[in-house]
C-alpha atoms as a PDB file:
ATOM      1  CA  UNK A   1      17.916  -7.846  68.436  1.00  0.00           C
ATOM      2  CA  UNK A   2      19.282  -5.833  65.465  1.00  0.00           C
ATOM      3  CA  UNK A   3      18.814  -8.907  63.281  1.00  0.00           C
ATOM      4  CA  UNK A   4      15.083  -9.080  64.115  1.00  0.00           C
ATOM      5  CA  UNK A   5      14.707  -5.337  63.514  1.00  0.00           C
ATOM      6  CA  UNK A   6      16.215  -5.732  60.037  1.00  0.00           C
ATOM      7  CA  UNK A   7      13.959  -8.702  59.257  1.00  0.00           C
ATOM      8  CA  UNK A   8      10.924  -6.751  60.453  1.00  0.00           C
ATOM      9  CA  UNK A   9      11.906  -3.778  58.320  1.00  0.00           C
ATOM     10  CA  UNK A  10      12.153  -5.884  55.146  1.00  0.00           C
ATOM     11  CA  UNK A  11       8.866  -7.643  55.900  1.00  0.00           C
ATOM     12  CA  UNK A  12       7.098  -4.291  56.313  1.00  0.00           C
ATOM     13  CA  UNK A  13       8.771  -2.991  53.132  1.00  0.00           C
ATOM     14  CA  UNK A  14       7.642  -6.041  51.132  1.00  0.00           C
ATOM     15  CA  UNK A  15       4.072  -5.675  52.411  1.00  0.00           C
ATOM     16  CA  UNK A  16       4.076  -1.979  51.482  1.00  0.00           C
ATOM     17  CA  UNK A  17       5.307  -2.734  47.960  1.00  0.00           C
ATOM     18  CA  UNK A  18       2.663  -5.440  47.520  1.00  0.00           C
ATOM     19  CA  UNK A  19      -0.102  -3.162  48.774  1.00  0.00           C
ATOM     20  CA  UNK A  20       1.129  -0.348  46.530  1.00  0.00           C
ATOM     21  CA  UNK A  21       1.158  -2.569  43.451  1.00  0.00           C
ATOM     22  CA  UNK A  22      -2.294  -3.894  44.276  1.00  0.00           C
ATOM     23  CA  UNK A  23      -3.636  -0.388  44.683  1.00  0.00           C
ATOM     24  CA  UNK A  24      -1.973   0.664  41.412  1.00  0.00           C
ATOM     25  CA  UNK A  25      -3.504  -2.291  39.586  1.00  0.00           C
ATOM     26  CA  UNK A  26      -6.911  -1.546  41.070  1.00  0.00           C
ATOM     27  CA  UNK A  27      -6.543   2.099  40.134  1.00  0.00           C
ATOM     28  CA  UNK A  28      -5.572   1.179  36.569  1.00  0.00           C
ATOM     29  CA  UNK A  29      -8.521  -1.197  36.338  1.00  0.00           C
ATOM     30  CA  UNK A  30     -10.851   1.610  37.402  1.00  0.00           C
ATOM     31  CA  UNK A  31      -9.334   4.056  34.906  1.00  0.00           C
ATOM     32  CA  UNK A  32     -11.574   5.221  32.083  1.00  0.00           C
ATOM     33  CA  UNK A  33      -9.784   5.153  28.749  1.00  0.00           C
ATOM     34  CA  UNK A  34      -9.380   8.457  26.984  1.00  0.00           C
ATOM     35  CA  UNK A  35      -9.464   9.053  23.226  1.00  0.00           C
ATOM     36  CA  UNK A  36      -6.367   7.343  21.784  1.00  0.00           C
ATOM     37  CA  UNK A  37      -3.347   9.101  20.371  1.00  0.00           C
ATOM     38  CA  UNK A  38      -3.221   7.963  16.755  1.00  0.00           C
ATOM     39  CA  UNK A  39       0.044   8.075  14.823  1.00  0.00           C
ATOM     40  CA  UNK A  40      -0.174   7.543  11.058  1.00  0.00           C
ATOM     41  CA  UNK A  41       3.044   6.907   9.124  1.00  0.00           C
ATOM     42  CA  UNK A  42       3.017   7.451   5.352  1.00  0.00           C
ATOM     43  CA  UNK A  43       5.667   6.317   2.851  1.00  0.00           C
ATOM     44  CA  UNK A  44       5.257   9.103   0.319  1.00  0.00           C
ATOM     45  CA  UNK A  45       2.678  11.833  -0.003  1.00  0.00           C
ATOM     46  CA  UNK A  46      -0.571   9.841  -0.046  1.00  0.00           C
ATOM     47  CA  UNK A  47      -2.301   9.677   3.346  1.00  0.00           C
ATOM     48  CA  UNK A  48      -5.442   7.623   2.745  1.00  0.00           C
ATOM     49  CA  UNK A  49      -6.598   7.826   6.361  1.00  0.00           C
ATOM     50  CA  UNK A  50      -6.757  10.549   8.993  1.00  0.00           C
ATOM     51  CA  UNK A  51      -6.771  10.199  12.783  1.00  0.00           C
ATOM     52  CA  UNK A  52     -10.430  11.265  12.912  1.00  0.00           C
ATOM     53  CA  UNK A  53     -11.431   8.703  10.272  1.00  0.00           C
ATOM     54  CA  UNK A  54      -9.684   5.886  12.172  1.00  0.00           C
ATOM     55  CA  UNK A  55     -11.416   6.841  15.434  1.00  0.00           C
ATOM     56  CA  UNK A  56     -14.800   7.163  13.702  1.00  0.00           C
ATOM     57  CA  UNK A  57     -14.507   3.679  12.214  1.00  0.00           C
ATOM     58  CA  UNK A  58     -13.611   2.206  15.603  1.00  0.00           C
ATOM     59  CA  UNK A  59     -16.638   3.812  17.276  1.00  0.00           C
ATOM     60  CA  UNK A  60     -18.969   2.689  14.486  1.00  0.00           C
ATOM     61  CA  UNK A  61     -17.652  -0.847  14.927  1.00  0.00           C
ATOM     62  CA  UNK A  62     -18.360  -0.626  18.658  1.00  0.00           C
ATOM     63  CA  UNK A  63     -14.759  -1.343  19.638  1.00  0.00           C
ATOM     64  CA  UNK A  64     -14.417   1.948  21.530  1.00  0.00           C
ATOM     65  CA  UNK A  65     -17.076   3.941  23.349  1.00  0.00           C
ATOM     66  CA  UNK A  66     -17.510   6.663  25.937  1.00  0.00           C
ATOM     67  CA  UNK A  67     -16.547   5.854  29.564  1.00  0.00           C
ATOM     68  CA  UNK A  68     -14.899   2.592  28.453  1.00  0.00           C
ATOM     69  CA  UNK A  69     -12.712   1.035  31.170  1.00  0.00           C
ATOM     70  CA  UNK A  70      -9.101   0.523  30.189  1.00  0.00           C
ATOM     71  CA  UNK A  71      -9.391  -3.153  31.159  1.00  0.00           C
ATOM     72  CA  UNK A  72     -12.270  -3.510  28.711  1.00  0.00           C
ATOM     73  CA  UNK A  73     -10.215  -2.213  25.804  1.00  0.00           C
ATOM     74  CA  UNK A  74     -10.128  -5.043  23.187  1.00  0.00           C
ATOM     75  CA  UNK A  75      -6.580  -4.402  22.009  1.00  0.00           C
ATOM     76  CA  UNK A  76      -6.268  -7.519  19.812  1.00  0.00           C
ATOM     77  CA  UNK A  77      -9.683  -6.990  18.184  1.00  0.00           C
ATOM     78  CA  UNK A  78      -8.819  -3.365  17.443  1.00  0.00           C
ATOM     79  CA  UNK A  79      -5.520  -4.411  15.826  1.00  0.00           C
ATOM     80  CA  UNK A  80      -7.223  -7.142  13.783  1.00  0.00           C
ATOM     81  CA  UNK A  81      -9.956  -4.774  12.634  1.00  0.00           C
ATOM     82  CA  UNK A  82      -7.523  -2.051  11.599  1.00  0.00           C
ATOM     83  CA  UNK A  83      -5.255  -4.491   9.762  1.00  0.00           C
ATOM     84  CA  UNK A  84      -8.288  -5.759   7.832  1.00  0.00           C
ATOM     85  CA  UNK A  85      -8.536  -2.322   6.184  1.00  0.00           C
ATOM     86  CA  UNK A  86      -6.937  -2.365   2.741  1.00  0.00           C
ATOM     87  CA  UNK A  87      -5.220   0.989   3.358  1.00  0.00           C
ATOM     88  CA  UNK A  88      -3.290  -0.270   6.388  1.00  0.00           C
ATOM     89  CA  UNK A  89      -0.089  -2.269   6.066  1.00  0.00           C
ATOM     90  CA  UNK A  90       0.374  -2.902   9.801  1.00  0.00           C
ATOM     91  CA  UNK A  91      -0.588  -1.408  13.148  1.00  0.00           C
ATOM     92  CA  UNK A  92       0.129  -1.666  16.852  1.00  0.00           C
ATOM     93  CA  UNK A  93      -2.284  -0.837  19.679  1.00  0.00           C
ATOM     94  CA  UNK A  94      -1.017  -0.477  23.236  1.00  0.00           C
ATOM     95  CA  UNK A  95      -2.351   0.866  26.553  1.00  0.00           C
ATOM     96  CA  UNK A  96      -0.390   3.044  28.975  1.00  0.00           C
ATOM     97  CA  UNK A  97      -0.648   3.746  32.691  1.00  0.00           C
ATOM     98  CA  UNK A  98      -3.119   6.458  33.557  1.00  0.00           C
ATOM     99  CA  UNK A  99      -5.835   5.396  31.143  1.00  0.00           C
ATOM    100  CA  UNK A 100      -4.122   6.563  27.936  1.00  0.00           C
ATOM    101  CA  UNK A 101      -3.561   4.393  24.883  1.00  0.00           C
ATOM    102  CA  UNK A 102      -1.961   4.681  21.455  1.00  0.00           C
ATOM    103  CA  UNK A 103      -2.571   3.444  17.923  1.00  0.00           C
ATOM    104  CA  UNK A 104       0.477   3.276  15.630  1.00  0.00           C
ATOM    105  CA  UNK A 105      -0.380   2.788  11.932  1.00  0.00           C
ATOM    106  CA  UNK A 106       1.764   2.232   8.825  1.00  0.00           C
ATOM    107  CA  UNK A 107      -0.163   2.898   5.601  1.00  0.00           C
ATOM    108  CA  UNK A 108       0.335   1.116   2.310  1.00  0.00           C
ATOM    109  CA  UNK A 109       2.057   2.864  -0.609  1.00  0.00           C
ATOM    110  CA  UNK A 110       0.082   2.805  -3.893  1.00  0.00           C
ATOM    111  CA  UNK A 111       1.946   2.493  -7.199  1.00  0.00           C
ATOM    112  CA  UNK A 112      -0.936   2.163  -9.697  1.00  0.00           C
ATOM    113  CA  UNK A 113      -4.629   2.948 -10.005  1.00  0.00           C
ATOM    114  CA  UNK A 114      -6.617   0.297 -11.850  1.00  0.00           C
ATOM    115  CA  UNK A 115      -9.920   0.656 -13.731  1.00  0.00           C
ATOM    116  CA  UNK A 116     -11.308  -2.830 -14.443  1.00  0.00           C
ATOM    117  CA  UNK A 117     -13.971  -4.378 -16.682  1.00  0.00           C
ATOM    118  CA  UNK A 118     -16.678  -4.005 -14.029  1.00  0.00           C
ATOM    119  CA  UNK A 119     -16.549  -0.254 -13.560  1.00  0.00           C
ATOM    120  CA  UNK A 120     -14.527  -0.625 -10.354  1.00  0.00           C
ATOM    121  CA  UNK A 121     -11.408   1.325  -9.512  1.00  0.00           C
ATOM    122  CA  UNK A 122      -8.777   0.438  -6.916  1.00  0.00           C
ATOM    123  CA  UNK A 123      -5.094   0.865  -6.181  1.00  0.00           C
ATOM    124  CA  UNK A 124      -2.249  -1.641  -6.204  1.00  0.00           C
ATOM    125  CA  UNK A 125       0.417  -1.084  -3.546  1.00  0.00           C
ATOM    126  CA  UNK A 126       4.190  -1.555  -3.708  1.00  0.00           C
ATOM    127  CA  UNK A 127       3.885  -5.082  -2.265  1.00  0.00           C
ATOM    128  CA  UNK A 128       1.214  -6.192  -4.730  1.00  0.00           C
ATOM    129  CA  UNK A 129      -1.858  -5.828  -2.496  1.00  0.00           C
ATOM    130  CA  UNK A 130      -5.124  -4.315  -3.811  1.00  0.00           C
ATOM    131  CA  UNK A 131      -6.200  -1.142  -1.967  1.00  0.00           C
ATOM    132  CA  UNK A 132      -9.542   0.645  -1.822  1.00  0.00           C
ATOM    133  CA  UNK A 133      -9.725   4.206  -3.100  1.00  0.00           C
ATOM    134  CA  UNK A 134     -10.344   7.009  -0.621  1.00  0.00           C
ATOM    135  CA  UNK A 135     -12.625  10.062  -0.729  1.00  0.00           C
ATOM    136  CA  UNK A 136      -9.919  11.896   1.217  1.00  0.00           C
ATOM    137  CA  UNK A 137      -7.026  11.624  -1.220  1.00  0.00           C
ATOM    138  CA  UNK A 138      -6.247  10.734  -4.822  1.00  0.00           C
ATOM    139  CA  UNK A 139      -2.803   9.236  -5.358  1.00  0.00           C
ATOM    140  CA  UNK A 140      -0.692  10.575  -8.224  1.00  0.00           C
ATOM    141  CA  UNK A 141       0.311   7.226  -9.702  1.00  0.00           C
ATOM    142  CA  UNK A 142       0.273   5.544 -13.101  1.00  0.00           C
ATOM    143  CA  UNK A 143      -3.247   4.723 -14.358  1.00  0.00           C
ATOM    144  CA  UNK A 144      -4.064   1.228 -15.660  1.00  0.00           C
ATOM    145  CA  UNK A 145      -7.027   0.692 -18.005  1.00  0.00           C
ATOM    146  CA  UNK A 146      -8.323  -1.726 -20.635  1.00  0.00           C
ATOM    147  CA  UNK A 147      -9.220  -5.391 -20.569  1.00  0.00           C
ATOM    148  CA  UNK A 148      -8.718  -6.118 -16.850  1.00  0.00           C
ATOM    149  CA  UNK A 149     -10.909  -8.838 -15.287  1.00  0.00           C
ATOM    150  CA  UNK A 150      -9.340  -8.569 -11.818  1.00  0.00           C
ATOM    151  CA  UNK A 151     -11.814  -7.319  -9.200  1.00  0.00           C
ATOM    152  CA  UNK A 152     -11.276  -4.710  -6.491  1.00  0.00           C
ATOM    153  CA  UNK A 153     -11.132  -7.454  -3.843  1.00  0.00           C
ATOM    154  CA  UNK A 154      -8.772  -9.651  -5.815  1.00  0.00           C
ATOM    155  CA  UNK A 155      -6.005 -11.838  -4.425  1.00  0.00           C
ATOM    156  CA  UNK A 156      -2.599 -10.297  -3.835  1.00  0.00           C
ATOM    157  CA  UNK A 157       0.149 -10.607  -6.443  1.00  0.00           C
ATOM    158  CA  UNK A 158       2.025 -13.185  -4.326  1.00  0.00           C
ATOM    159  CA  UNK A 159      -1.087 -15.367  -4.108  1.00  0.00           C
ATOM    160  CA  UNK A 160      -1.586 -15.179  -7.870  1.00  0.00           C
ATOM    161  CA  UNK A 161       2.049 -15.980  -8.694  1.00  0.00           C
ATOM    162  CA  UNK A 162       2.014 -19.040  -6.434  1.00  0.00           C
ATOM    163  CA  UNK A 163      -1.227 -20.453  -7.855  1.00  0.00           C
ATOM    164  CA  UNK A 164      -1.064 -21.988 -11.337  1.00  0.00           C
ATOM    165  CA  UNK A 165      -4.825 -21.649 -11.860  1.00  0.00           C
ATOM    166  CA  UNK A 166      -4.963 -17.980 -10.861  1.00  0.00           C
ATOM    167  CA  UNK A 167      -2.004 -17.142 -13.120  1.00  0.00           C
ATOM    168  CA  UNK A 168      -4.076 -18.064 -16.178  1.00  0.00           C
ATOM    169  CA  UNK A 169      -7.071 -15.854 -15.316  1.00  0.00           C
ATOM    170  CA  UNK A 170      -5.581 -12.968 -13.305  1.00  0.00           C
ATOM    171  CA  UNK A 171      -3.391 -10.119 -14.516  1.00  0.00           C
ATOM    172  CA  UNK A 172      -2.494  -8.177 -11.386  1.00  0.00           C
ATOM    173  CA  UNK A 173       0.938  -9.804 -11.365  1.00  0.00           C
ATOM    174  CA  UNK A 174       1.668  -8.511 -14.893  1.00  0.00           C
ATOM    175  CA  UNK A 175       0.323  -5.064 -13.995  1.00  0.00           C
ATOM    176  CA  UNK A 176       2.439  -5.072 -10.852  1.00  0.00           C
ATOM    177  CA  UNK A 177       5.654  -5.919 -12.723  1.00  0.00           C
ATOM    178  CA  UNK A 178       5.208  -3.019 -15.140  1.00  0.00           C
ATOM    179  CA  UNK A 179       3.917  -0.387 -12.700  1.00  0.00           C
ATOM    180  CA  UNK A 180       6.452  -1.308 -10.005  1.00  0.00           C
ATOM    181  CA  UNK A 181       9.331  -0.917 -12.478  1.00  0.00           C
ATOM    182  CA  UNK A 182       7.985   2.459 -13.615  1.00  0.00           C
ATOM    183  CA  UNK A 183       7.423   3.599 -10.020  1.00  0.00           C
ATOM    184  CA  UNK A 184      11.028   2.831  -9.060  1.00  0.00           C
ATOM    185  CA  UNK A 185      12.663   4.553 -12.020  1.00  0.00           C
ATOM    186  CA  UNK A 186      12.765   8.395 -11.825  1.00  0.00           C
ATOM    187  CA  UNK A 187      13.064   8.714 -15.606  1.00  0.00           C
ATOM    188  CA  UNK A 188      10.163   6.382 -16.422  1.00  0.00           C
ATOM    189  CA  UNK A 189       7.825   7.763 -13.774  1.00  0.00           C
ATOM    190  CA  UNK A 190       8.167  11.157 -15.452  1.00  0.00           C
ATOM    191  CA  UNK A 191       7.496   9.655 -18.893  1.00  0.00           C
ATOM    192  CA  UNK A 192       4.768   7.017 -18.504  1.00  0.00           C
ATOM    193  CA  UNK A 193       1.291   8.208 -17.553  1.00  0.00           C
ATOM    194  CA  UNK A 194      -0.900   5.242 -18.444  1.00  0.00           C
ATOM    195  CA  UNK A 195      -0.769   1.476 -18.976  1.00  0.00           C
ATOM    196  CA  UNK A 196      -3.498  -0.032 -21.163  1.00  0.00           C
ATOM    197  CA  UNK A 197      -4.228  -3.721 -21.676  1.00  0.00           C
ATOM    198  CA  UNK A 198      -5.565  -4.592 -25.132  1.00  0.00           C
ATOM    199  CA  UNK A 199      -8.093  -7.362 -25.825  1.00  0.00           C
ATOM    200  CA  UNK A 200      -5.305  -9.514 -27.293  1.00  0.00           C
ATOM    201  CA  UNK A 201      -3.409  -9.321 -23.979  1.00  0.00           C
ATOM    202  CA  UNK A 202      -0.729  -6.853 -25.056  1.00  0.00           C
ATOM    203  CA  UNK A 203       0.122  -4.022 -22.703  1.00  0.00           C
ATOM    204  CA  UNK A 204       0.425  -0.567 -24.256  1.00  0.00           C
ATOM    205  CA  UNK A 205       2.181   2.361 -22.578  1.00  0.00           C
ATOM    206  CA  UNK A 206       0.909   5.895 -23.064  1.00  0.00           C
ATOM    207  CA  UNK A 207       3.601   8.543 -22.416  1.00  0.00           C
ATOM    208  CA  UNK A 208       2.890  11.843 -20.702  1.00  0.00           C
ATOM    209  CA  UNK A 209       4.735  13.768 -23.416  1.00  0.00           C
ATOM    210  CA  UNK A 210       4.542  13.044 -27.115  1.00  0.00           C
ATOM    211  CA  UNK A 211       1.936  11.183 -29.129  1.00  0.00           C
ATOM    212  CA  UNK A 212       3.642   7.807 -29.304  1.00  0.00           C
ATOM    213  CA  UNK A 213       1.904   4.539 -28.629  1.00  0.00           C
ATOM    214  CA  UNK A 214       4.365   2.117 -27.014  1.00  0.00           C
ATOM    215  CA  UNK A 215       3.556  -1.551 -27.597  1.00  0.00           C
ATOM    216  CA  UNK A 216       4.978  -3.316 -24.543  1.00  0.00           C
ATOM    217  CA  UNK A 217       3.456  -6.748 -25.159  1.00  0.00           C
ATOM    218  CA  UNK A 218       3.518  -9.312 -22.365  1.00  0.00           C
ATOM    219  CA  UNK A 219       4.987  -8.970 -18.865  1.00  0.00           C
ATOM    220  CA  UNK A 220       5.432 -12.567 -17.791  1.00  0.00           C
ATOM    221  CA  UNK A 221       8.566 -12.097 -15.689  1.00  0.00           C
ATOM    222  CA  UNK A 222      10.666  -9.432 -13.997  1.00  0.00           C
ATOM    223  CA  UNK A 223      13.495 -10.176 -16.452  1.00  0.00           C
ATOM    224  CA  UNK A 224      11.267  -9.614 -19.490  1.00  0.00           C
ATOM    225  CA  UNK A 225       9.958  -6.326 -18.099  1.00  0.00           C
ATOM    226  CA  UNK A 226      13.451  -5.081 -17.233  1.00  0.00           C
ATOM    227  CA  UNK A 227      14.833  -5.877 -20.715  1.00  0.00           C
ATOM    228  CA  UNK A 228      12.018  -4.046 -22.470  1.00  0.00           C
ATOM    229  CA  UNK A 229      12.266  -0.958 -20.298  1.00  0.00           C
ATOM    230  CA  UNK A 230      16.046  -0.802 -20.699  1.00  0.00           C
ATOM    231  CA  UNK A 231      15.579  -0.810 -24.474  1.00  0.00           C
ATOM    232  CA  UNK A 232      12.994   1.943 -24.188  1.00  0.00           C
ATOM    233  CA  UNK A 233      15.185   4.109 -21.951  1.00  0.00           C
ATOM    234  CA  UNK A 234      18.137   3.824 -24.375  1.00  0.00           C
ATOM    235  CA  UNK A 235      15.834   4.778 -27.261  1.00  0.00           C
ATOM    236  CA  UNK A 236      14.413   7.749 -25.339  1.00  0.00           C
ATOM    237  CA  UNK A 237      17.820   9.067 -24.297  1.00  0.00           C
ATOM    238  CA  UNK A 238      19.881   8.301 -27.428  1.00  0.00           C
ATOM    239  CA  UNK A 239      17.399   8.076 -30.283  1.00  0.00           C
ATOM    240  CA  UNK A 240      14.532  10.495 -29.857  1.00  0.00           C
ATOM    241  CA  UNK A 241      16.625  13.601 -29.055  1.00  0.00           C
ATOM    242  CA  UNK A 242      18.156  13.346 -32.553  1.00  0.00           C
ATOM    243  CA  UNK A 243      15.079  12.142 -34.424  1.00  0.00           C
ATOM    244  CA  UNK A 244      12.584  14.371 -32.631  1.00  0.00           C
ATOM    245  CA  UNK A 245       9.865  13.449 -30.128  1.00  0.00           C
ATOM    246  CA  UNK A 246       7.079  13.740 -32.688  1.00  0.00           C
ATOM    247  CA  UNK A 247       8.659  11.730 -35.503  1.00  0.00           C
ATOM    248  CA  UNK A 248       7.180   8.361 -34.437  1.00  0.00           C
ATOM    249  CA  UNK A 249       3.627   7.463 -33.539  1.00  0.00           C
ATOM    250  CA  UNK A 250       4.324   3.809 -32.633  1.00  0.00           C
ATOM    251  CA  UNK A 251       7.201   2.174 -30.741  1.00  0.00           C
ATOM    252  CA  UNK A 252       7.138  -1.623 -30.494  1.00  0.00           C
ATOM    253  CA  UNK A 253       9.163  -3.357 -27.749  1.00  0.00           C
ATOM    254  CA  UNK A 254       7.883  -6.896 -28.342  1.00  0.00           C
ATOM    255  CA  UNK A 255      10.807  -8.085 -30.434  1.00  0.00           C
ATOM    256  CA  UNK A 256      13.974  -9.516 -28.895  1.00  0.00           C
ATOM    257  CA  UNK A 257      16.956  -7.126 -28.816  1.00  0.00           C
ATOM    258  CA  UNK A 258      15.363  -4.547 -31.088  1.00  0.00           C
ATOM    259  CA  UNK A 259      12.818  -1.758 -31.253  1.00  0.00           C
ATOM    260  CA  UNK A 260      10.490  -1.424 -34.229  1.00  0.00           C
ATOM    261  CA  UNK A 261       9.173   2.083 -34.843  1.00  0.00           C
ATOM    262  CA  UNK A 262       6.541   3.491 -37.152  1.00  0.00           C
ATOM    263  CA  UNK A 263       6.962   7.046 -38.363  1.00  0.00           C
ATOM    264  CA  UNK A 264       4.169   9.583 -38.305  1.00  0.00           C
ATOM    265  CA  UNK A 265       2.583   9.731 -41.729  1.00  0.00           C
ATOM    266  CA  UNK A 266       3.132  13.068 -43.355  1.00  0.00           C
ATOM    267  CA  UNK A 267       0.010  14.916 -44.435  1.00  0.00           C
END
C-alpha cells in the first residue's frame, strides 16, 4: 500500500512540474518585451554610440516596436544589424524571464582619422577596420591627410594585405602600420600629430611641437616602420635636446641606419 502511495505522489509531483513549466512558458510567450537594457563597453575615451542612439536605430529599422511580444523578438537579426554598424566590434543580444532583454555592445577603438581624395573622412580602428565618424564624439587621434585614394567604405587592412591586387592600389595597410605604432608608443603619441602622404608616395610626419618636417618614406612592413621609429626616438631623446628643437626643419628617415637632417636656414 505504501509503495502505491509513493508512486502516486511522484506521479502527481511530475504532473504538477509539467503543468507549472507549461504555464511558465505560456506566460513568457504572452509577455510584452520592455525597452532593453543596453550596455556599451568602450576601450578608451571615445564612445561613438549612446544607449538612446542604439535604441533609436533599432526602432527605425523596425526590429523593435511598442507592445512587441518577447517571442517575436528577432534576436539574431538585431545582433546582425548591430554588428553591421562600423562603430561596433561585437555585440550580444539575449532575452530574460519576465519580458526583459539586454544588449551588450563592445565598440571599436579608433587610432587614426583619415581625410581622403574624395572629401570623405573616416576613422581606422586598432584592428585595421574603417569606421564612420560620429556627430556625437570626435576622437583625439592622429590625423592622416594627403594623397589617399582609399574610400570610407574600403576593405579592412587584413583583406588588403592578403590580396595582391588590392596591395598595389590601397594604402590603408601602410597608414595602419604607422598610426598603430604611434598609438601604442606613449612618447610618439605625444609627439606626432599628423601623417601626410605625398603624391610620390612618401609619408611625412608632422610633429605637435617644433617646426620639423619628418620624411618617413614608405611603410611596407612592420619591421620597416619599427626601425624608422626607433631611429627617430633615439634622435629625439639624444640628439635634439643638445642641438635644440628648432635647429632643424627637415628630418629624413628614408636611409638605412642613418638620419639625414637639414638645418634651418639662418636669416
